[in-house]
Amino acid sequence: MIEVFKTNVKYNIDAKRIIALLHAKLHEYRINFDLSDCDHILRIESKFEQVKVAEIKDTLLNEGFQCEELPY
């Protein structure tokens, strides 16, 4: 399962911090940012379960960032 999110994360240092926080909670996920995209894309992949969208949104919100699911 893959989910793609539009975010307002602009800096690599913030992206790395968010990835570390998400990995601490969601060990099996593959997580990356494409900050060069105009939507500052966060891409998350899980091989074993459905992506926990609410938990991802809450994590970003708690860090002061916006996060919106993009349709496939």
PDB file of N, CA and C in Angstrom:
ATOM      1  N   MET A   1       0.841  -1.177   0.000  1.00  0.00           N
ATOM      2  CA  MET A   1       0.000   0.000   0.000  1.00  0.00           C
ATOM      3  C   MET A   1       0.884   1.238   0.000  1.00  0.00           C
ATOM      4  N   ILE A   2       0.565   2.183  -0.848  1.00  0.00           N
ATOM      5  CA  ILE A   2       1.329   3.432  -0.943  1.00  0.00           C
ATOM      6  C   ILE A   2       0.379   4.604  -0.751  1.00  0.00           C
ATOM      7  N   GLU A   3       0.806   5.568   0.038  1.00  0.00           N
ATOM      8  CA  GLU A   3       0.069   6.819   0.211  1.00  0.00           C
ATOM      9  C   GLU A   3       1.014   7.974  -0.107  1.00  0.00           C
ATOM     10  N   VAL A   4       0.458   9.009  -0.730  1.00  0.00           N
ATOM     11  CA  VAL A   4       1.229  10.192  -1.090  1.00  0.00           C
ATOM     12  C   VAL A   4       0.522  11.398  -0.483  1.00  0.00           C
ATOM     13  N   PHE A   5       1.316  12.278   0.129  1.00  0.00           N
ATOM     14  CA  PHE A   5       0.773  13.437   0.824  1.00  0.00           C
ATOM     15  C   PHE A   5       1.417  14.721   0.313  1.00  0.00           C
ATOM     16  N   LYS A   6       0.619  15.762   0.244  1.00  0.00           N
ATOM     17  CA  LYS A   6       1.113  17.114   0.004  1.00  0.00           C
ATOM     18  C   LYS A   6       1.410  17.704   1.375  1.00  0.00           C
ATOM     19  N   THR A   7       2.577  18.323   1.522  1.00  0.00           N
ATOM     20  CA  THR A   7       2.947  18.904   2.815  1.00  0.00           C
ATOM     21  C   THR A   7       3.464  20.327   2.615  1.00  0.00           C
ATOM     22  N   ASN A   8       3.710  20.998   3.719  1.00  0.00           N
ATOM     23  CA  ASN A   8       4.370  22.297   3.661  1.00  0.00           C
ATOM     24  C   ASN A   8       5.782  22.225   4.255  1.00  0.00           C
ATOM     25  N   VAL A   9       6.354  21.037   4.275  1.00  0.00           N
ATOM     26  CA  VAL A   9       7.739  20.838   4.728  1.00  0.00           C
ATOM     27  C   VAL A   9       8.658  21.348   3.618  1.00  0.00           C
ATOM     28  N   LYS A  10       9.531  22.279   3.949  1.00  0.00           N
ATOM     29  CA  LYS A  10      10.374  22.896   2.917  1.00  0.00           C
ATOM     30  C   LYS A  10      11.858  22.565   3.057  1.00  0.00           C
ATOM     31  N   TYR A  11      12.280  22.189   4.238  1.00  0.00           N
ATOM     32  CA  TYR A  11      13.708  22.036   4.487  1.00  0.00           C
ATOM     33  C   TYR A  11      14.073  20.583   4.793  1.00  0.00           C
ATOM     34  N   ASN A  12      15.220  20.192   4.305  1.00  0.00           N
ATOM     35  CA  ASN A  12      15.711  18.828   4.468  1.00  0.00           C
ATOM     36  C   ASN A  12      15.851  18.445   5.943  1.00  0.00           C
ATOM     37  N   ILE A  13      16.274  19.363   6.765  1.00  0.00           N
ATOM     38  CA  ILE A  13      16.450  19.070   8.189  1.00  0.00           C
ATOM     39  C   ILE A  13      15.105  18.700   8.828  1.00  0.00           C
ATOM     40  N   ASP A  14      14.035  19.404   8.432  1.00  0.00           N
ATOM     41  CA  ASP A  14      12.697  19.076   8.945  1.00  0.00           C
ATOM     42  C   ASP A  14      12.228  17.731   8.405  1.00  0.00           C
ATOM     43  N   ALA A  15      12.475  17.480   7.138  1.00  0.00           N
ATOM     44  CA  ALA A  15      12.085  16.198   6.530  1.00  0.00           C
ATOM     45  C   ALA A  15      12.768  15.035   7.238  1.00  0.00           C
ATOM     46  N   LYS A  16      14.046  15.169   7.521  1.00  0.00           N
ATOM     47  CA  LYS A  16      14.782  14.103   8.207  1.00  0.00           C
ATOM     48  C   LYS A  16      14.224  13.860   9.608  1.00  0.00           C
ATOM     49  N   ARG A  17      13.876  14.932  10.313  1.00  0.00           N
ATOM     50  CA  ARG A  17      13.310  14.800  11.664  1.00  0.00           C
ATOM     51  C   ARG A  17      11.960  14.083  11.610  1.00  0.00           C
ATOM     52  N   ILE A  18      11.130  14.442  10.646  1.00  0.00           N
ATOM     53  CA  ILE A  18       9.814  13.812  10.509  1.00  0.00           C
ATOM     54  C   ILE A  18       9.955  12.341  10.138  1.00  0.00           C
ATOM     55  N   ILE A  19      10.859  12.034   9.233  1.00  0.00           N
ATOM     56  CA  ILE A  19      11.093  10.641   8.852  1.00  0.00           C
ATOM     57  C   ILE A  19      11.524   9.830  10.077  1.00  0.00           C
ATOM     58  N   ALA A  20      12.410  10.381  10.890  1.00  0.00           N
ATOM     59  CA  ALA A  20      12.863   9.680  12.097  1.00  0.00           C
ATOM     60  C   ALA A  20      11.699   9.455  13.071  1.00  0.00           C
ATOM     61  N   LEU A  21      10.851  10.446  13.252  1.00  0.00           N
ATOM     62  CA  LEU A  21       9.694  10.300  14.138  1.00  0.00           C
ATOM     63  C   LEU A  21       8.733   9.234  13.620  1.00  0.00           C
ATOM     64  N   LEU A  22       8.473   9.251  12.319  1.00  0.00           N
ATOM     65  CA  LEU A  22       7.563   8.268  11.741  1.00  0.00           C
ATOM     66  C   LEU A  22       8.141   6.860  11.814  1.00  0.00           C
ATOM     67  N   HIS A  23       9.440   6.728  11.557  1.00  0.00           N
ATOM     68  CA  HIS A  23      10.074   5.410  11.646  1.00  0.00           C
ATOM     69  C   HIS A  23      10.032   4.860  13.068  1.00  0.00           C
ATOM     70  N   ALA A  24      10.108   5.734  14.062  1.00  0.00           N
ATOM     71  CA  ALA A  24      10.040   5.285  15.454  1.00  0.00           C
ATOM     72  C   ALA A  24       8.680   4.670  15.770  1.00  0.00           C
ATOM     73  N   LYS A  25       7.630   5.166  15.128  1.00  0.00           N
ATOM     74  CA  LYS A  25       6.274   4.671  15.365  1.00  0.00           C
ATOM     75  C   LYS A  25       5.884   3.571  14.386  1.00  0.00           C
ATOM     76  N   LEU A  26       6.363   3.678  13.171  1.00  0.00           N
ATOM     77  CA  LEU A  26       5.924   2.813  12.076  1.00  0.00           C
ATOM     78  C   LEU A  26       7.148   2.150  11.456  1.00  0.00           C
ATOM     79  N   HIS A  27       7.670   1.149  12.122  1.00  0.00           N
ATOM     80  CA  HIS A  27       8.960   0.534  11.790  1.00  0.00           C
ATOM     81  C   HIS A  27       9.042  -0.037  10.382  1.00  0.00           C
ATOM     82  N   GLU A  28       7.979  -0.623   9.895  1.00  0.00           N
ATOM     83  CA  GLU A  28       8.017  -1.349   8.629  1.00  0.00           C
ATOM     84  C   GLU A  28       7.773  -0.467   7.404  1.00  0.00           C
ATOM     85  N   TYR A  29       7.563   0.820   7.588  1.00  0.00           N
ATOM     86  CA  TYR A  29       7.233   1.698   6.469  1.00  0.00           C
ATOM     87  C   TYR A  29       8.489   2.205   5.758  1.00  0.00           C
ATOM     88  N   ARG A  30       8.377   2.374   4.458  1.00  0.00           N
ATOM     89  CA  ARG A  30       9.394   3.085   3.677  1.00  0.00           C
ATOM     90  C   ARG A  30       8.885   4.508   3.509  1.00  0.00           C
ATOM     91  N   ILE A  31       9.695   5.477   3.900  1.00  0.00           N
ATOM     92  CA  ILE A  31       9.253   6.867   3.961  1.00  0.00           C
ATOM     93  C   ILE A  31      10.285   7.750   3.278  1.00  0.00           C
ATOM     94  N   ASN A  32       9.798   8.669   2.412  1.00  0.00           N
ATOM     95  CA  ASN A  32      10.709   9.652   1.826  1.00  0.00           C
ATOM     96  C   ASN A  32       9.954  10.911   1.432  1.00  0.00           C
ATOM     97  N   PHE A  33      10.697  11.980   1.284  1.00  0.00           N
ATOM     98  CA  PHE A  33      10.172  13.267   0.836  1.00  0.00           C
ATOM     99  C   PHE A  33      10.748  13.593  -0.527  1.00  0.00           C
ATOM    100  N   ASP A  34       9.968  14.311  -1.320  1.00  0.00           N
ATOM    101  CA  ASP A  34      10.468  14.949  -2.541  1.00  0.00           C
ATOM    102  C   ASP A  34      10.218  16.440  -2.375  1.00  0.00           C
ATOM    103  N   LEU A  35      11.185  17.114  -1.777  1.00  0.00           N
ATOM    104  CA  LEU A  35      11.040  18.531  -1.487  1.00  0.00           C
ATOM    105  C   LEU A  35      11.210  19.391  -2.728  1.00  0.00           C
ATOM    106  N   SER A  36      11.720  18.829  -3.815  1.00  0.00           N
ATOM    107  CA  SER A  36      11.864  19.589  -5.054  1.00  0.00           C
ATOM    108  C   SER A  36      10.524  19.721  -5.779  1.00  0.00           C
ATOM    109  N   ASP A  37       9.559  18.878  -5.454  1.00  0.00           N
ATOM    110  CA  ASP A  37       8.221  18.959  -6.033  1.00  0.00           C
ATOM    111  C   ASP A  37       7.494  20.161  -5.428  1.00  0.00           C
ATOM    112  N   CYS A  38       6.647  20.804  -6.209  1.00  0.00           N
ATOM    113  CA  CYS A  38       5.934  21.990  -5.716  1.00  0.00           C
ATOM    114  C   CYS A  38       5.009  21.673  -4.545  1.00  0.00           C
ATOM    115  N   ASP A  39       4.604  20.410  -4.391  1.00  0.00           N
ATOM    116  CA  ASP A  39       3.741  19.995  -3.282  1.00  0.00           C
ATOM    117  C   ASP A  39       4.510  19.408  -2.110  1.00  0.00           C
ATOM    118  N   HIS A  40       5.842  19.445  -2.160  1.00  0.00           N
ATOM    119  CA  HIS A  40       6.681  18.930  -1.069  1.00  0.00           C
ATOM    120  C   HIS A  40       6.176  17.547  -0.631  1.00  0.00           C
ATOM    121  N   ILE A  41       6.228  16.620  -1.534  1.00  0.00           N
ATOM    122  CA  ILE A  41       5.608  15.305  -1.412  1.00  0.00           C
ATOM    123  C   ILE A  41       6.242  14.445  -0.316  1.00  0.00           C
ATOM    124  N   LEU A  42       5.376  13.840   0.477  1.00  0.00           N
ATOM    125  CA  LEU A  42       5.749  12.800   1.430  1.00  0.00           C
ATOM    126  C   LEU A  42       5.164  11.502   0.889  1.00  0.00           C
ATOM    127  N   ARG A  43       6.013  10.513   0.656  1.00  0.00           N
ATOM    128  CA  ARG A  43       5.575   9.223   0.109  1.00  0.00           C
ATOM    129  C   ARG A  43       5.842   8.146   1.148  1.00  0.00           C
ATOM    130  N   ILE A  44       4.807   7.354   1.417  1.00  0.00           N
ATOM    131  CA  ILE A  44       4.914   6.311   2.433  1.00  0.00           C
ATOM    132  C   ILE A  44       4.419   5.001   1.845  1.00  0.00           C
ATOM    133  N   GLU A  45       5.204   3.950   2.064  1.00  0.00           N
ATOM    134  CA  GLU A  45       4.856   2.633   1.539  1.00  0.00           C
ATOM    135  C   GLU A  45       4.913   1.607   2.661  1.00  0.00           C
ATOM    136  N   SER A  46       3.897   0.753   2.683  1.00  0.00           N
ATOM    137  CA  SER A  46       3.849  -0.357   3.625  1.00  0.00           C
ATOM    138  C   SER A  46       3.583  -1.633   2.850  1.00  0.00           C
ATOM    139  N   LYS A  47       4.403  -2.655   3.068  1.00  0.00           N
ATOM    140  CA  LYS A  47       4.212  -3.925   2.380  1.00  0.00           C
ATOM    141  C   LYS A  47       3.198  -4.814   3.082  1.00  0.00           C
ATOM    142  N   PHE A  48       3.001  -4.606   4.380  1.00  0.00           N
ATOM    143  CA  PHE A  48       2.245  -5.558   5.173  1.00  0.00           C
ATOM    144  C   PHE A  48       0.882  -5.081   5.652  1.00  0.00           C
ATOM    145  N   GLU A  49       0.648  -3.792   5.655  1.00  0.00           N
ATOM    146  CA  GLU A  49      -0.616  -3.290   6.188  1.00  0.00           C
ATOM    147  C   GLU A  49      -0.996  -2.001   5.482  1.00  0.00           C
ATOM    148  N   GLN A  50      -2.223  -1.596   5.706  1.00  0.00           N
ATOM    149  CA  GLN A  50      -2.672  -0.329   5.169  1.00  0.00           C
ATOM    150  C   GLN A  50      -1.942   0.796   5.906  1.00  0.00           C
ATOM    151  N   VAL A  51      -1.575   1.837   5.194  1.00  0.00           N
ATOM    152  CA  VAL A  51      -0.852   2.964   5.783  1.00  0.00           C
ATOM    153  C   VAL A  51      -1.764   3.666   6.791  1.00  0.00           C
ATOM    154  N   LYS A  52      -1.206   3.973   7.948  1.00  0.00           N
ATOM    155  CA  LYS A  52      -1.958   4.612   9.030  1.00  0.00           C
ATOM    156  C   LYS A  52      -1.988   6.124   8.807  1.00  0.00           C
ATOM    157  N   VAL A  53      -2.912   6.547   7.958  1.00  0.00           N
ATOM    158  CA  VAL A  53      -2.996   7.936   7.513  1.00  0.00           C
ATOM    159  C   VAL A  53      -3.196   8.894   8.686  1.00  0.00           C
ATOM    160  N   ALA A  54      -4.110   8.578   9.588  1.00  0.00           N
ATOM    161  CA  ALA A  54      -4.395   9.471  10.713  1.00  0.00           C
ATOM    162  C   ALA A  54      -3.155   9.686  11.580  1.00  0.00           C
ATOM    163  N   GLU A  55      -2.405   8.632  11.821  1.00  0.00           N
ATOM    164  CA  GLU A  55      -1.199   8.743  12.647  1.00  0.00           C
ATOM    165  C   GLU A  55      -0.135   9.611  11.955  1.00  0.00           C
ATOM    166  N   ILE A  56      -0.036   9.481  10.654  1.00  0.00           N
ATOM    167  CA  ILE A  56       0.930  10.289   9.890  1.00  0.00           C
ATOM    168  C   ILE A  56       0.532  11.759   9.938  1.00  0.00           C
ATOM    169  N   LYS A  57      -0.736  12.035   9.689  1.00  0.00           N
ATOM    170  CA  LYS A  57      -1.215  13.422   9.743  1.00  0.00           C
ATOM    171  C   LYS A  57      -1.010  14.014  11.129  1.00  0.00           C
ATOM    172  N   ASP A  58      -1.327  13.258  12.179  1.00  0.00           N
ATOM    173  CA  ASP A  58      -1.154  13.740  13.559  1.00  0.00           C
ATOM    174  C   ASP A  58       0.307  14.039  13.861  1.00  0.00           C
ATOM    175  N   THR A  59       1.210  13.188  13.393  1.00  0.00           N
ATOM    176  CA  THR A  59       2.638  13.397  13.637  1.00  0.00           C
ATOM    177  C   THR A  59       3.100  14.699  13.002  1.00  0.00           C
ATOM    178  N   LEU A  60       2.719  14.935  11.763  1.00  0.00           N
ATOM    179  CA  LEU A  60       3.115  16.174  11.097  1.00  0.00           C
ATOM    180  C   LEU A  60       2.482  17.389  11.773  1.00  0.00           C
ATOM    181  N   LEU A  61       1.208  17.277  12.115  1.00  0.00           N
ATOM    182  CA  LEU A  61       0.515  18.383  12.778  1.00  0.00           C
ATOM    183  C   LEU A  61       1.182  18.720  14.105  1.00  0.00           C
ATOM    184  N   ASN A  62       1.559  17.704  14.877  1.00  0.00           N
ATOM    185  CA  ASN A  62       2.231  17.926  16.162  1.00  0.00           C
ATOM    186  C   ASN A  62       3.581  18.610  15.994  1.00  0.00           C
ATOM    187  N   GLU A  63       4.182  18.464  14.825  1.00  0.00           N
ATOM    188  CA  GLU A  63       5.468  19.113  14.535  1.00  0.00           C
ATOM    189  C   GLU A  63       5.283  20.475  13.861  1.00  0.00           C
ATOM    190  N   GLY A  64       4.035  20.885  13.669  1.00  0.00           N
ATOM    191  CA  GLY A  64       3.744  22.209  13.118  1.00  0.00           C
ATOM    192  C   GLY A  64       3.634  22.247  11.606  1.00  0.00           C
ATOM    193  N   PHE A  65       3.390  21.098  10.975  1.00  0.00           N
ATOM    194  CA  PHE A  65       3.308  21.039   9.517  1.00  0.00           C
ATOM    195  C   PHE A  65       1.930  20.572   9.074  1.00  0.00           C
ATOM    196  N   GLN A  66       1.566  20.966   7.861  1.00  0.00           N
ATOM    197  CA  GLN A  66       0.318  20.526   7.245  1.00  0.00           C
ATOM    198  C   GLN A  66       0.582  19.295   6.408  1.00  0.00           C
ATOM    199  N   CYS A  67      -0.451  18.483   6.243  1.00  0.00           N
ATOM    200  CA  CYS A  67      -0.329  17.233   5.508  1.00  0.00           C
ATOM    201  C   CYS A  67      -1.687  16.882   4.932  1.00  0.00           C
ATOM    202  N   GLU A  68      -1.723  16.655   3.625  1.00  0.00           N
ATOM    203  CA  GLU A  68      -2.990  16.348   2.942  1.00  0.00           C
ATOM    204  C   GLU A  68      -2.787  15.183   1.996  1.00  0.00           C
ATOM    205  N   GLU A  69      -3.647  14.181   2.084  1.00  0.00           N
ATOM    206  CA  GLU A  69      -3.574  13.037   1.188  1.00  0.00           C
ATOM    207  C   GLU A  69      -3.832  13.473  -0.257  1.00  0.00           C
ATOM    208  N   LEU A  70      -3.084  12.934  -1.174  1.00  0.00           N
ATOM    209  CA  LEU A  70      -3.332  13.174  -2.588  1.00  0.00           C
ATOM    210  C   LEU A  70      -3.992  11.939  -3.196  1.00  0.00           C
ATOM    211  N   PRO A  71      -4.940  12.148  -4.088  1.00  0.00           N
ATOM    212  CA  PRO A  71      -5.581  10.998  -4.735  1.00  0.00           C
ATOM    213  C   PRO A  71      -4.594  10.285  -5.639  1.00  0.00           C
ATOM    214  N   TYR A  72      -4.810   9.028  -5.889  1.00  0.00           N
ATOM    215  CA  TYR A  72      -3.912   8.241  -6.740  1.00  0.00           C
ATOM    216  C   TYR A  72      -4.054   8.715  -8.166  1.00  0.00           C
TER     217      TYR A  72
END
